[in-house]
N, C-alpha and C. Protein backbone atom coordinates (compact mmCIF):
# COMPACT_ATOMS: atom_id res chain seq x y z
N MET A 1 22.33 28.33 -46.04
CA MET A 1 23.08 27.48 -45.09
C MET A 1 22.37 26.14 -44.93
N ILE A 2 23.22 25.10 -44.78
CA ILE A 2 22.71 23.73 -44.53
C ILE A 2 23.15 23.32 -43.14
N GLU A 3 22.23 22.81 -42.38
CA GLU A 3 22.56 22.25 -41.06
C GLU A 3 21.92 20.90 -40.87
N LEU A 4 22.71 19.89 -40.57
CA LEU A 4 22.22 18.57 -40.24
C LEU A 4 22.59 18.26 -38.81
N ASP A 5 21.65 17.73 -38.05
CA ASP A 5 21.92 17.40 -36.65
C ASP A 5 21.44 15.99 -36.38
N GLY A 6 22.39 15.07 -36.23
CA GLY A 6 22.06 13.67 -35.89
C GLY A 6 21.18 12.97 -36.90
N VAL A 7 21.40 13.26 -38.17
CA VAL A 7 20.54 12.70 -39.23
C VAL A 7 20.83 11.19 -39.45
N THR A 8 19.77 10.40 -39.34
CA THR A 8 19.81 8.98 -39.53
C THR A 8 18.83 8.59 -40.60
N LYS A 9 19.19 7.60 -41.44
CA LYS A 9 18.25 7.08 -42.41
C LYS A 9 18.35 5.58 -42.43
N THR A 10 17.17 4.92 -42.19
CA THR A 10 17.12 3.46 -42.14
C THR A 10 16.08 2.96 -43.13
N PHE A 11 16.48 1.93 -43.89
CA PHE A 11 15.57 1.32 -44.83
C PHE A 11 15.28 -0.12 -44.41
N ARG A 12 14.11 -0.62 -44.77
CA ARG A 12 13.78 -2.03 -44.56
C ARG A 12 13.93 -2.77 -45.88
N GLN A 13 14.65 -3.88 -45.85
CA GLN A 13 14.79 -4.73 -47.03
C GLN A 13 14.43 -6.15 -46.59
N GLY A 14 13.14 -6.47 -46.74
CA GLY A 14 12.65 -7.75 -46.20
C GLY A 14 12.70 -7.70 -44.69
N ASP A 15 13.41 -8.68 -44.11
CA ASP A 15 13.59 -8.71 -42.66
C ASP A 15 14.82 -7.96 -42.20
N GLU A 16 15.58 -7.44 -43.17
CA GLU A 16 16.84 -6.77 -42.85
C GLU A 16 16.65 -5.26 -42.74
N GLU A 17 17.33 -4.64 -41.80
CA GLU A 17 17.32 -3.20 -41.60
C GLU A 17 18.64 -2.64 -42.08
N ILE A 18 18.57 -1.72 -43.09
CA ILE A 18 19.74 -1.12 -43.69
C ILE A 18 19.94 0.30 -43.10
N HIS A 19 21.09 0.49 -42.49
CA HIS A 19 21.41 1.80 -41.92
C HIS A 19 22.22 2.64 -42.97
N ALA A 20 21.48 3.38 -43.80
CA ALA A 20 22.13 4.17 -44.84
C ALA A 20 22.92 5.33 -44.27
N LEU A 21 22.38 5.98 -43.23
CA LEU A 21 23.04 7.10 -42.58
C LEU A 21 22.98 6.88 -41.06
N ARG A 22 24.09 7.21 -40.39
CA ARG A 22 24.16 7.00 -38.96
C ARG A 22 24.55 8.32 -38.26
N SER A 23 23.58 8.98 -37.71
CA SER A 23 23.75 10.18 -36.88
C SER A 23 24.76 11.18 -37.51
N CYS A 24 24.44 11.67 -38.68
CA CYS A 24 25.31 12.61 -39.45
C CYS A 24 25.04 14.04 -38.97
N THR A 25 26.09 14.77 -38.62
CA THR A 25 25.96 16.14 -38.17
C THR A 25 26.90 16.99 -39.03
N LEU A 26 26.40 18.13 -39.54
CA LEU A 26 27.16 18.96 -40.46
C LEU A 26 26.55 20.35 -40.54
N SER A 27 27.41 21.37 -40.65
CA SER A 27 26.94 22.74 -40.83
C SER A 27 27.80 23.39 -41.92
N ILE A 28 27.13 23.93 -42.97
CA ILE A 28 27.85 24.57 -44.05
C ILE A 28 27.24 25.94 -44.29
N GLY A 29 28.09 26.95 -44.25
CA GLY A 29 27.61 28.32 -44.41
C GLY A 29 27.73 28.82 -45.82
N PRO A 30 27.24 30.05 -46.10
CA PRO A 30 27.36 30.65 -47.43
C PRO A 30 28.79 30.81 -47.89
N GLY A 31 29.04 30.69 -49.17
CA GLY A 31 30.35 30.87 -49.71
C GLY A 31 31.30 29.72 -49.46
N ARG A 32 30.75 28.56 -49.13
CA ARG A 32 31.59 27.36 -48.84
C ARG A 32 31.28 26.29 -49.85
N PHE A 33 32.36 25.71 -50.38
CA PHE A 33 32.28 24.64 -51.35
C PHE A 33 32.81 23.36 -50.66
N VAL A 34 31.91 22.43 -50.41
CA VAL A 34 32.21 21.23 -49.63
C VAL A 34 32.10 20.00 -50.49
N ALA A 35 33.05 19.09 -50.36
CA ALA A 35 33.03 17.82 -51.07
C ALA A 35 32.73 16.71 -50.09
N ILE A 36 31.98 15.70 -50.57
CA ILE A 36 31.76 14.48 -49.81
C ILE A 36 32.22 13.31 -50.65
N ILE A 37 33.17 12.56 -50.12
CA ILE A 37 33.78 11.44 -50.81
C ILE A 37 33.47 10.17 -50.05
N GLY A 38 33.79 9.04 -50.69
CA GLY A 38 33.57 7.76 -50.07
C GLY A 38 33.24 6.70 -51.04
N PRO A 39 33.32 5.40 -50.65
CA PRO A 39 33.05 4.33 -51.59
C PRO A 39 31.58 4.24 -52.01
N SER A 40 31.34 3.53 -53.10
CA SER A 40 29.95 3.32 -53.52
C SER A 40 29.16 2.62 -52.42
N GLY A 41 27.92 3.06 -52.21
CA GLY A 41 27.07 2.43 -51.20
C GLY A 41 27.29 2.93 -49.82
N SER A 42 28.14 3.98 -49.64
CA SER A 42 28.47 4.45 -48.29
C SER A 42 27.41 5.40 -47.75
N GLY A 43 26.51 5.88 -48.61
CA GLY A 43 25.46 6.79 -48.16
C GLY A 43 25.56 8.20 -48.69
N LYS A 44 26.50 8.47 -49.60
CA LYS A 44 26.74 9.84 -50.07
C LYS A 44 25.49 10.43 -50.76
N SER A 45 24.91 9.68 -51.70
CA SER A 45 23.78 10.18 -52.47
C SER A 45 22.54 10.30 -51.57
N THR A 46 22.37 9.36 -50.64
CA THR A 46 21.25 9.45 -49.70
C THR A 46 21.35 10.72 -48.88
N LEU A 47 22.57 11.04 -48.42
CA LEU A 47 22.77 12.25 -47.64
C LEU A 47 22.43 13.47 -48.48
N LEU A 48 22.81 13.51 -49.76
CA LEU A 48 22.56 14.66 -50.60
C LEU A 48 21.04 14.85 -50.80
N THR A 49 20.33 13.76 -51.02
CA THR A 49 18.88 13.89 -51.25
C THR A 49 18.18 14.37 -49.99
N ILE A 50 18.67 13.98 -48.85
CA ILE A 50 18.09 14.47 -47.58
C ILE A 50 18.41 15.92 -47.39
N MET A 51 19.63 16.35 -47.74
CA MET A 51 20.00 17.75 -47.67
C MET A 51 19.04 18.62 -48.51
N GLY A 52 18.66 18.09 -49.67
CA GLY A 52 17.82 18.84 -50.58
C GLY A 52 16.33 18.67 -50.32
N GLY A 53 15.96 17.96 -49.30
CA GLY A 53 14.57 17.80 -48.96
C GLY A 53 13.82 16.84 -49.84
N LEU A 54 14.55 16.03 -50.61
CA LEU A 54 13.91 15.04 -51.48
C LEU A 54 13.51 13.81 -50.69
N ARG A 55 14.22 13.53 -49.60
CA ARG A 55 13.89 12.45 -48.69
C ARG A 55 13.82 12.99 -47.29
N THR A 56 13.12 12.31 -46.42
CA THR A 56 13.08 12.72 -45.01
C THR A 56 13.90 11.71 -44.18
N PRO A 57 14.62 12.22 -43.20
CA PRO A 57 15.43 11.30 -42.39
C PRO A 57 14.55 10.48 -41.44
N THR A 58 15.04 9.33 -41.04
CA THR A 58 14.35 8.53 -40.04
C THR A 58 14.41 9.21 -38.72
N ASP A 59 15.51 9.90 -38.45
CA ASP A 59 15.67 10.60 -37.18
C ASP A 59 16.65 11.77 -37.43
N GLY A 60 16.59 12.78 -36.58
CA GLY A 60 17.46 13.92 -36.71
C GLY A 60 16.80 15.12 -37.38
N SER A 61 17.55 16.19 -37.50
CA SER A 61 17.01 17.45 -37.99
C SER A 61 17.78 17.98 -39.22
N VAL A 62 17.07 18.52 -40.19
CA VAL A 62 17.64 19.13 -41.38
C VAL A 62 17.10 20.54 -41.52
N SER A 63 18.00 21.54 -41.61
CA SER A 63 17.60 22.92 -41.78
C SER A 63 18.26 23.46 -43.04
N LEU A 64 17.41 24.13 -43.86
CA LEU A 64 17.87 24.80 -45.07
C LEU A 64 17.51 26.30 -44.92
N GLY A 65 18.51 27.13 -44.98
CA GLY A 65 18.25 28.57 -44.88
C GLY A 65 17.48 28.95 -43.63
N GLY A 66 17.68 28.22 -42.54
CA GLY A 66 17.01 28.54 -41.30
C GLY A 66 15.68 27.85 -41.08
N THR A 67 15.19 27.14 -42.07
CA THR A 67 13.90 26.42 -41.96
C THR A 67 14.14 24.98 -41.64
N ARG A 68 13.58 24.49 -40.56
CA ARG A 68 13.69 23.07 -40.17
C ARG A 68 12.70 22.27 -41.03
N LEU A 69 13.19 21.42 -41.89
CA LEU A 69 12.33 20.72 -42.83
C LEU A 69 11.34 19.78 -42.17
N GLU A 70 11.72 19.19 -41.03
CA GLU A 70 10.81 18.27 -40.40
C GLU A 70 9.59 18.97 -39.77
N GLU A 71 9.72 20.31 -39.62
CA GLU A 71 8.60 21.08 -39.06
C GLU A 71 7.75 21.73 -40.16
N ALA A 72 8.23 21.64 -41.42
CA ALA A 72 7.49 22.24 -42.55
C ALA A 72 6.58 21.22 -43.20
N GLY A 73 5.47 21.70 -43.73
CA GLY A 73 4.57 20.83 -44.48
C GLY A 73 5.15 20.52 -45.85
N GLU A 74 4.55 19.57 -46.54
CA GLU A 74 5.05 19.14 -47.83
C GLU A 74 5.04 20.32 -48.81
N LYS A 75 4.02 21.14 -48.77
CA LYS A 75 3.94 22.28 -49.68
C LYS A 75 5.07 23.27 -49.45
N GLU A 76 5.38 23.52 -48.18
CA GLU A 76 6.48 24.42 -47.84
C GLU A 76 7.82 23.83 -48.24
N ARG A 77 7.99 22.49 -48.03
CA ARG A 77 9.24 21.85 -48.41
C ARG A 77 9.45 21.91 -49.91
N ALA A 78 8.36 21.69 -50.65
CA ALA A 78 8.46 21.76 -52.12
C ALA A 78 8.87 23.18 -52.55
N LYS A 79 8.31 24.18 -51.91
CA LYS A 79 8.64 25.55 -52.25
C LYS A 79 10.13 25.83 -51.98
N ILE A 80 10.60 25.30 -50.86
CA ILE A 80 12.04 25.48 -50.55
C ILE A 80 12.93 24.83 -51.58
N ARG A 81 12.54 23.59 -52.01
CA ARG A 81 13.32 22.91 -53.04
C ARG A 81 13.37 23.71 -54.34
N PHE A 82 12.21 24.25 -54.73
CA PHE A 82 12.13 24.95 -55.99
C PHE A 82 12.79 26.32 -55.96
N THR A 83 12.82 26.97 -54.80
CA THR A 83 13.31 28.35 -54.75
C THR A 83 14.72 28.47 -54.18
N GLN A 84 15.11 27.53 -53.29
CA GLN A 84 16.40 27.71 -52.60
C GLN A 84 17.47 26.71 -53.02
N VAL A 85 17.05 25.64 -53.70
CA VAL A 85 18.01 24.56 -54.01
C VAL A 85 18.13 24.36 -55.51
N GLY A 86 19.40 24.21 -55.97
CA GLY A 86 19.65 23.85 -57.37
C GLY A 86 20.34 22.51 -57.39
N PHE A 87 19.80 21.54 -58.12
CA PHE A 87 20.35 20.19 -58.19
C PHE A 87 21.14 20.04 -59.52
N ILE A 88 22.35 19.50 -59.39
CA ILE A 88 23.15 19.14 -60.60
C ILE A 88 23.44 17.65 -60.48
N LEU A 89 22.97 16.92 -61.45
CA LEU A 89 23.06 15.45 -61.41
C LEU A 89 24.17 14.96 -62.30
N GLN A 90 24.56 13.68 -62.10
CA GLN A 90 25.62 13.04 -62.89
C GLN A 90 25.23 13.07 -64.36
N ALA A 91 23.97 12.64 -64.67
CA ALA A 91 23.47 12.77 -66.03
C ALA A 91 22.89 14.13 -66.17
N SER A 92 23.14 14.83 -67.26
CA SER A 92 22.72 16.23 -67.37
C SER A 92 21.23 16.43 -67.36
N SER A 93 20.43 15.39 -67.67
CA SER A 93 18.96 15.45 -67.57
C SER A 93 18.36 16.58 -68.39
N LEU A 94 18.87 16.81 -69.57
CA LEU A 94 18.33 17.88 -70.42
C LEU A 94 17.21 17.29 -71.28
N VAL A 95 16.25 18.14 -71.61
CA VAL A 95 15.14 17.73 -72.49
C VAL A 95 15.64 17.75 -73.91
N PRO A 96 15.65 16.58 -74.60
CA PRO A 96 16.30 16.46 -75.89
C PRO A 96 15.74 17.36 -77.01
N PHE A 97 14.45 17.70 -76.91
CA PHE A 97 13.82 18.47 -78.00
C PHE A 97 13.73 19.97 -77.71
N LEU A 98 14.45 20.43 -76.64
CA LEU A 98 14.51 21.86 -76.31
C LEU A 98 15.91 22.42 -76.52
N THR A 99 15.99 23.63 -77.06
CA THR A 99 17.30 24.29 -77.20
C THR A 99 17.79 24.66 -75.82
N VAL A 100 19.08 25.04 -75.77
CA VAL A 100 19.66 25.50 -74.52
C VAL A 100 18.83 26.62 -73.89
N ALA A 101 18.48 27.62 -74.71
CA ALA A 101 17.71 28.74 -74.23
C ALA A 101 16.35 28.28 -73.66
N ASP A 102 15.72 27.34 -74.34
CA ASP A 102 14.40 26.87 -73.91
C ASP A 102 14.52 25.99 -72.66
N GLN A 103 15.65 25.33 -72.46
CA GLN A 103 15.85 24.60 -71.20
C GLN A 103 15.74 25.55 -70.00
N LEU A 104 16.37 26.73 -70.14
CA LEU A 104 16.34 27.72 -69.06
C LEU A 104 14.93 28.27 -68.84
N LEU A 105 14.23 28.52 -69.94
CA LEU A 105 12.84 28.98 -69.81
C LEU A 105 11.98 27.98 -69.09
N LEU A 106 12.14 26.68 -69.43
CA LEU A 106 11.33 25.63 -68.79
C LEU A 106 11.63 25.58 -67.30
N HIS A 107 12.89 25.53 -66.91
CA HIS A 107 13.24 25.43 -65.49
C HIS A 107 12.79 26.64 -64.72
N GLY A 108 12.86 27.81 -65.35
CA GLY A 108 12.36 29.00 -64.70
C GLY A 108 10.86 28.90 -64.39
N LYS A 109 10.10 28.39 -65.35
CA LYS A 109 8.65 28.26 -65.18
C LYS A 109 8.33 27.18 -64.13
N VAL A 110 9.06 26.09 -64.13
CA VAL A 110 8.82 25.01 -63.15
C VAL A 110 9.08 25.49 -61.74
N SER A 111 10.12 26.29 -61.58
CA SER A 111 10.47 26.82 -60.24
C SER A 111 9.51 27.88 -59.77
N GLY A 112 8.69 28.40 -60.69
CA GLY A 112 7.79 29.47 -60.34
C GLY A 112 8.47 30.82 -60.22
N ASN A 113 9.74 30.89 -60.68
CA ASN A 113 10.51 32.11 -60.59
C ASN A 113 11.24 32.33 -61.92
N PRO A 114 10.48 32.58 -63.01
CA PRO A 114 11.10 32.73 -64.31
C PRO A 114 12.09 33.89 -64.37
N ALA A 115 13.25 33.64 -64.94
CA ALA A 115 14.27 34.65 -65.03
C ALA A 115 14.01 35.61 -66.17
N SER A 116 14.49 36.82 -66.04
CA SER A 116 14.36 37.81 -67.11
C SER A 116 15.30 37.40 -68.25
N PRO A 117 15.05 37.92 -69.46
CA PRO A 117 15.97 37.65 -70.58
C PRO A 117 17.42 38.09 -70.25
N GLN A 118 17.52 39.22 -69.52
CA GLN A 118 18.87 39.68 -69.13
C GLN A 118 19.56 38.70 -68.22
N ARG A 119 18.81 38.15 -67.24
CA ARG A 119 19.38 37.17 -66.32
C ARG A 119 19.83 35.93 -67.06
N ARG A 120 18.99 35.45 -68.01
CA ARG A 120 19.35 34.24 -68.79
C ARG A 120 20.60 34.49 -69.61
N GLU A 121 20.70 35.66 -70.23
CA GLU A 121 21.86 36.01 -71.05
C GLU A 121 23.11 36.12 -70.18
N GLU A 122 23.01 36.75 -69.05
CA GLU A 122 24.15 36.90 -68.14
C GLU A 122 24.65 35.54 -67.67
N LEU A 123 23.75 34.63 -67.33
CA LEU A 123 24.13 33.31 -66.86
C LEU A 123 24.82 32.49 -67.94
N LEU A 124 24.25 32.51 -69.14
CA LEU A 124 24.86 31.77 -70.25
C LEU A 124 26.26 32.32 -70.54
N THR A 125 26.39 33.65 -70.48
CA THR A 125 27.69 34.27 -70.73
C THR A 125 28.70 33.92 -69.66
N LYS A 126 28.25 33.94 -68.39
CA LYS A 126 29.09 33.59 -67.25
C LYS A 126 29.63 32.15 -67.37
N LEU A 127 28.76 31.27 -67.89
CA LEU A 127 29.14 29.84 -68.03
C LEU A 127 29.81 29.55 -69.35
N GLY A 128 29.98 30.56 -70.20
CA GLY A 128 30.68 30.37 -71.46
C GLY A 128 29.92 29.61 -72.50
N ILE A 129 28.54 29.69 -72.46
CA ILE A 129 27.73 28.90 -73.40
C ILE A 129 26.70 29.76 -74.11
N ALA A 130 26.93 31.10 -74.12
CA ALA A 130 25.98 31.96 -74.79
C ALA A 130 25.91 31.69 -76.30
N ASP A 131 27.03 31.24 -76.86
CA ASP A 131 27.09 30.98 -78.31
C ASP A 131 26.37 29.69 -78.74
N ILE A 132 25.93 28.91 -77.79
CA ILE A 132 25.23 27.62 -78.14
C ILE A 132 23.77 27.67 -77.70
N ALA A 133 23.26 28.85 -77.40
CA ALA A 133 21.90 28.98 -76.86
C ALA A 133 20.82 28.40 -77.80
N ALA A 134 21.10 28.37 -79.08
CA ALA A 134 20.08 27.90 -80.03
C ALA A 134 20.27 26.43 -80.40
N LYS A 135 21.26 25.77 -79.78
CA LYS A 135 21.52 24.37 -80.11
C LYS A 135 20.74 23.40 -79.20
N TYR A 136 20.64 22.17 -79.66
CA TYR A 136 19.94 21.13 -78.94
C TYR A 136 20.97 20.23 -78.23
N PRO A 137 20.58 19.52 -77.17
CA PRO A 137 21.52 18.67 -76.40
C PRO A 137 22.34 17.73 -77.27
N ALA A 138 21.73 17.14 -78.29
CA ALA A 138 22.45 16.19 -79.15
C ALA A 138 23.61 16.82 -79.87
N ASP A 139 23.60 18.13 -80.03
CA ASP A 139 24.65 18.84 -80.75
C ASP A 139 25.75 19.35 -79.83
N LEU A 140 25.70 19.03 -78.55
CA LEU A 140 26.64 19.58 -77.59
C LEU A 140 27.65 18.51 -77.14
N SER A 141 28.82 18.98 -76.73
CA SER A 141 29.81 18.08 -76.13
C SER A 141 29.37 17.77 -74.69
N GLY A 142 30.07 16.77 -74.06
CA GLY A 142 29.78 16.45 -72.68
C GLY A 142 29.98 17.64 -71.74
N GLY A 143 31.04 18.37 -71.94
CA GLY A 143 31.30 19.53 -71.11
C GLY A 143 30.28 20.62 -71.28
N GLN A 144 29.83 20.80 -72.53
CA GLN A 144 28.78 21.83 -72.81
C GLN A 144 27.46 21.43 -72.16
N ARG A 145 27.11 20.13 -72.25
CA ARG A 145 25.86 19.66 -71.64
C ARG A 145 25.87 19.86 -70.13
N GLN A 146 27.05 19.62 -69.55
CA GLN A 146 27.10 19.80 -68.09
C GLN A 146 27.02 21.26 -67.67
N ARG A 147 27.58 22.15 -68.51
CA ARG A 147 27.48 23.59 -68.25
C ARG A 147 26.01 24.04 -68.35
N VAL A 148 25.29 23.46 -69.34
CA VAL A 148 23.85 23.77 -69.47
C VAL A 148 23.11 23.24 -68.23
N ALA A 149 23.47 22.07 -67.77
CA ALA A 149 22.82 21.52 -66.56
C ALA A 149 23.06 22.43 -65.36
N ILE A 150 24.27 22.99 -65.25
CA ILE A 150 24.57 23.92 -64.23
C ILE A 150 23.72 25.19 -64.35
N ALA A 151 23.60 25.65 -65.59
CA ALA A 151 22.78 26.85 -65.85
C ALA A 151 21.32 26.63 -65.43
N THR A 152 20.79 25.45 -65.73
CA THR A 152 19.37 25.15 -65.32
C THR A 152 19.24 25.07 -63.82
N ALA A 153 20.27 24.62 -63.16
CA ALA A 153 20.26 24.54 -61.69
C ALA A 153 20.36 25.92 -61.05
N LEU A 154 20.95 26.88 -61.79
CA LEU A 154 21.22 28.18 -61.18
C LEU A 154 20.23 29.25 -61.66
N ILE A 155 19.38 28.94 -62.64
CA ILE A 155 18.57 29.94 -63.28
C ILE A 155 17.65 30.68 -62.30
N HIS A 156 17.21 29.99 -61.24
CA HIS A 156 16.33 30.62 -60.25
C HIS A 156 17.10 31.20 -59.06
N ASP A 157 18.44 31.29 -59.23
CA ASP A 157 19.33 31.92 -58.25
C ASP A 157 19.20 31.25 -56.87
N PRO A 158 19.41 29.94 -56.78
CA PRO A 158 19.27 29.25 -55.48
C PRO A 158 20.44 29.60 -54.56
N ALA A 159 20.16 29.55 -53.28
CA ALA A 159 21.22 29.79 -52.27
C ALA A 159 22.08 28.55 -52.09
N ILE A 160 21.52 27.37 -52.40
CA ILE A 160 22.17 26.09 -52.17
C ILE A 160 22.30 25.33 -53.46
N ILE A 161 23.51 24.80 -53.73
CA ILE A 161 23.74 23.97 -54.92
C ILE A 161 24.17 22.60 -54.46
N LEU A 162 23.46 21.56 -54.90
CA LEU A 162 23.77 20.15 -54.54
C LEU A 162 24.14 19.44 -55.82
N ALA A 163 25.37 18.94 -55.91
CA ALA A 163 25.87 18.31 -57.11
C ALA A 163 26.26 16.87 -56.84
N ASP A 164 25.62 15.94 -57.53
CA ASP A 164 25.86 14.51 -57.33
C ASP A 164 26.71 13.95 -58.51
N GLU A 165 27.99 13.76 -58.25
CA GLU A 165 28.94 13.30 -59.25
C GLU A 165 28.81 14.07 -60.55
N PRO A 166 28.92 15.41 -60.52
CA PRO A 166 28.68 16.22 -61.70
C PRO A 166 29.74 16.06 -62.82
N THR A 167 30.88 15.44 -62.49
CA THR A 167 31.93 15.32 -63.46
C THR A 167 32.18 13.85 -63.90
N ALA A 168 31.33 12.96 -63.46
CA ALA A 168 31.56 11.51 -63.65
C ALA A 168 31.67 11.14 -65.13
N SER A 169 30.92 11.81 -65.99
CA SER A 169 30.90 11.44 -67.41
C SER A 169 31.85 12.27 -68.26
N LEU A 170 32.71 13.08 -67.62
CA LEU A 170 33.60 14.00 -68.33
C LEU A 170 35.03 13.51 -68.30
N ASP A 171 35.82 13.96 -69.32
CA ASP A 171 37.27 13.67 -69.30
C ASP A 171 37.91 14.56 -68.24
N SER A 172 39.21 14.30 -67.96
CA SER A 172 39.89 14.99 -66.88
C SER A 172 39.88 16.51 -67.05
N GLU A 173 40.15 16.96 -68.26
CA GLU A 173 40.24 18.40 -68.51
C GLU A 173 38.89 19.06 -68.19
N ARG A 174 37.78 18.47 -68.71
CA ARG A 174 36.46 19.03 -68.45
C ARG A 174 36.04 18.90 -67.00
N ALA A 175 36.47 17.83 -66.32
CA ALA A 175 36.14 17.67 -64.93
C ALA A 175 36.76 18.76 -64.08
N PHE A 176 38.02 19.08 -64.32
CA PHE A 176 38.67 20.18 -63.59
C PHE A 176 38.00 21.48 -63.94
N GLU A 177 37.63 21.67 -65.17
CA GLU A 177 37.00 22.91 -65.64
C GLU A 177 35.66 23.15 -64.91
N ILE A 178 34.84 22.08 -64.86
CA ILE A 178 33.52 22.20 -64.23
C ILE A 178 33.66 22.44 -62.74
N THR A 179 34.56 21.74 -62.07
CA THR A 179 34.73 21.89 -60.64
C THR A 179 35.24 23.31 -60.30
N GLU A 180 36.20 23.79 -61.09
CA GLU A 180 36.68 25.17 -60.88
C GLU A 180 35.55 26.17 -61.02
N LEU A 181 34.70 25.93 -62.03
CA LEU A 181 33.55 26.81 -62.31
C LEU A 181 32.61 26.81 -61.07
N LEU A 182 32.30 25.63 -60.52
CA LEU A 182 31.43 25.56 -59.33
C LEU A 182 32.06 26.30 -58.15
N ALA A 183 33.37 26.13 -57.95
CA ALA A 183 34.05 26.81 -56.86
C ALA A 183 33.98 28.33 -57.02
N ASN A 184 34.19 28.82 -58.26
CA ASN A 184 34.16 30.24 -58.52
C ASN A 184 32.76 30.82 -58.28
N LEU A 185 31.73 30.09 -58.76
CA LEU A 185 30.35 30.56 -58.55
C LEU A 185 30.01 30.60 -57.07
N THR A 186 30.43 29.58 -56.33
CA THR A 186 30.20 29.51 -54.89
C THR A 186 30.77 30.70 -54.16
N HIS A 187 32.03 30.98 -54.43
CA HIS A 187 32.74 32.03 -53.73
C HIS A 187 32.30 33.43 -54.19
N GLU A 188 32.07 33.61 -55.45
CA GLU A 188 31.71 34.92 -55.99
C GLU A 188 30.31 35.34 -55.56
N PHE A 189 29.39 34.39 -55.52
CA PHE A 189 27.98 34.74 -55.26
C PHE A 189 27.48 34.26 -53.90
N GLY A 190 28.40 33.74 -53.04
CA GLY A 190 28.03 33.34 -51.70
C GLY A 190 27.10 32.17 -51.60
N LYS A 191 27.21 31.20 -52.55
CA LYS A 191 26.37 30.03 -52.52
C LYS A 191 26.88 29.04 -51.47
N THR A 192 26.02 28.12 -51.07
CA THR A 192 26.40 27.00 -50.22
C THR A 192 26.38 25.76 -51.14
N THR A 193 27.53 25.19 -51.44
CA THR A 193 27.62 24.14 -52.46
C THR A 193 28.19 22.85 -51.85
N VAL A 194 27.48 21.74 -52.15
CA VAL A 194 27.97 20.42 -51.71
C VAL A 194 28.08 19.56 -52.96
N MET A 195 29.25 18.93 -53.14
CA MET A 195 29.49 18.08 -54.30
C MET A 195 29.90 16.69 -53.81
N VAL A 196 29.11 15.71 -54.24
CA VAL A 196 29.48 14.33 -54.03
C VAL A 196 30.38 13.91 -55.17
N THR A 197 31.53 13.34 -54.88
CA THR A 197 32.46 12.96 -55.98
C THR A 197 33.28 11.73 -55.55
N HIS A 198 33.69 10.96 -56.56
CA HIS A 198 34.62 9.85 -56.31
C HIS A 198 36.03 10.28 -56.73
N ASP A 199 36.17 11.42 -57.36
CA ASP A 199 37.43 11.85 -57.98
C ASP A 199 38.18 12.77 -57.00
N GLU A 200 39.14 12.22 -56.26
CA GLU A 200 39.87 12.95 -55.25
C GLU A 200 40.83 14.00 -55.82
N ARG A 201 41.04 13.95 -57.14
CA ARG A 201 41.91 14.97 -57.77
C ARG A 201 41.24 16.34 -57.75
N LEU A 202 39.93 16.40 -57.56
CA LEU A 202 39.18 17.64 -57.59
C LEU A 202 39.09 18.34 -56.24
N LEU A 203 39.60 17.69 -55.22
CA LEU A 203 39.36 18.19 -53.86
C LEU A 203 40.13 19.48 -53.56
N GLY A 204 41.13 19.79 -54.34
CA GLY A 204 41.88 21.05 -54.13
C GLY A 204 41.07 22.28 -54.35
N TYR A 205 39.93 22.16 -55.05
CA TYR A 205 39.08 23.28 -55.28
C TYR A 205 38.09 23.51 -54.12
N CYS A 206 38.01 22.55 -53.23
CA CYS A 206 36.98 22.57 -52.16
C CYS A 206 37.53 23.21 -50.86
N ASP A 207 36.64 23.83 -50.13
CA ASP A 207 37.01 24.46 -48.85
C ASP A 207 37.08 23.43 -47.72
N GLU A 208 36.21 22.42 -47.81
CA GLU A 208 36.19 21.36 -46.79
C GLU A 208 35.88 20.04 -47.49
N VAL A 209 36.37 18.95 -46.92
CA VAL A 209 36.14 17.63 -47.44
C VAL A 209 35.67 16.68 -46.33
N TYR A 210 34.58 15.96 -46.58
CA TYR A 210 34.06 14.98 -45.65
C TYR A 210 34.05 13.62 -46.30
N ARG A 211 34.22 12.59 -45.51
CA ARG A 211 34.19 11.24 -46.01
C ARG A 211 33.02 10.45 -45.39
N MET A 212 32.31 9.72 -46.27
CA MET A 212 31.26 8.81 -45.82
C MET A 212 31.78 7.38 -45.84
N GLU A 213 31.59 6.70 -44.74
CA GLU A 213 31.96 5.27 -44.64
C GLU A 213 30.85 4.58 -43.86
N ASP A 214 30.20 3.63 -44.52
CA ASP A 214 29.14 2.83 -43.88
C ASP A 214 28.11 3.72 -43.19
N GLY A 215 27.73 4.84 -43.89
CA GLY A 215 26.67 5.70 -43.36
C GLY A 215 27.13 6.70 -42.35
N THR A 216 28.44 6.69 -42.01
CA THR A 216 28.98 7.62 -41.01
C THR A 216 29.77 8.70 -41.72
N LEU A 217 29.53 9.96 -41.34
CA LEU A 217 30.18 11.10 -41.93
C LEU A 217 31.22 11.69 -40.96
N HIS A 218 32.43 11.94 -41.52
CA HIS A 218 33.46 12.56 -40.69
C HIS A 218 34.38 13.40 -41.57
N ARG A 219 35.03 14.33 -40.96
CA ARG A 219 35.92 15.26 -41.67
C ARG A 219 37.12 14.48 -42.21
N ALA A 220 37.45 14.66 -43.49
CA ALA A 220 38.55 13.94 -44.09
C ALA A 220 39.86 14.60 -43.74
């Protein structure tokens, strides 16, 4: 579960104060697929990084799985990120010299929770990419690369999935395919999933939609 209470984020740019987030409050439970939409520069990605513990808010409270991040030390916050959160980025961020299978091995080791061979095989099969396990990123289509990126985000079985424009580099057919896949994984396995997107055609797959405007979050 993700809970934000009055989250504010302010940056200094010279003498100017930039209000990236303004008192954002949100609660998302297990099995919910939530979209955040809004124009560029409205604060969507900043909100997502704060949800995942990559940034700290200037004010307000962030809780992941019942742990208040502002009360946790850096070591504990890092552990939460590695064990409870899976990040899916716009660029697939795959290591070019590793096969698909080796990408999963690497992410499992980095998280400190390496998956069993059976778990890796089940996940690749679930995502429809078991047949490309021996291939390298350069040999994959855009849709395949994004499926591999989803696999690396899920290999340590996180409770929370945070996706930042995961379909931006895909054609319409692949975008719908990936979004439907995220929705199915969320509902089937009780994940808490937040997707930042500019593509409002995908919102039909989501349980709730929020809009960011000038750092302010409200229900769409």
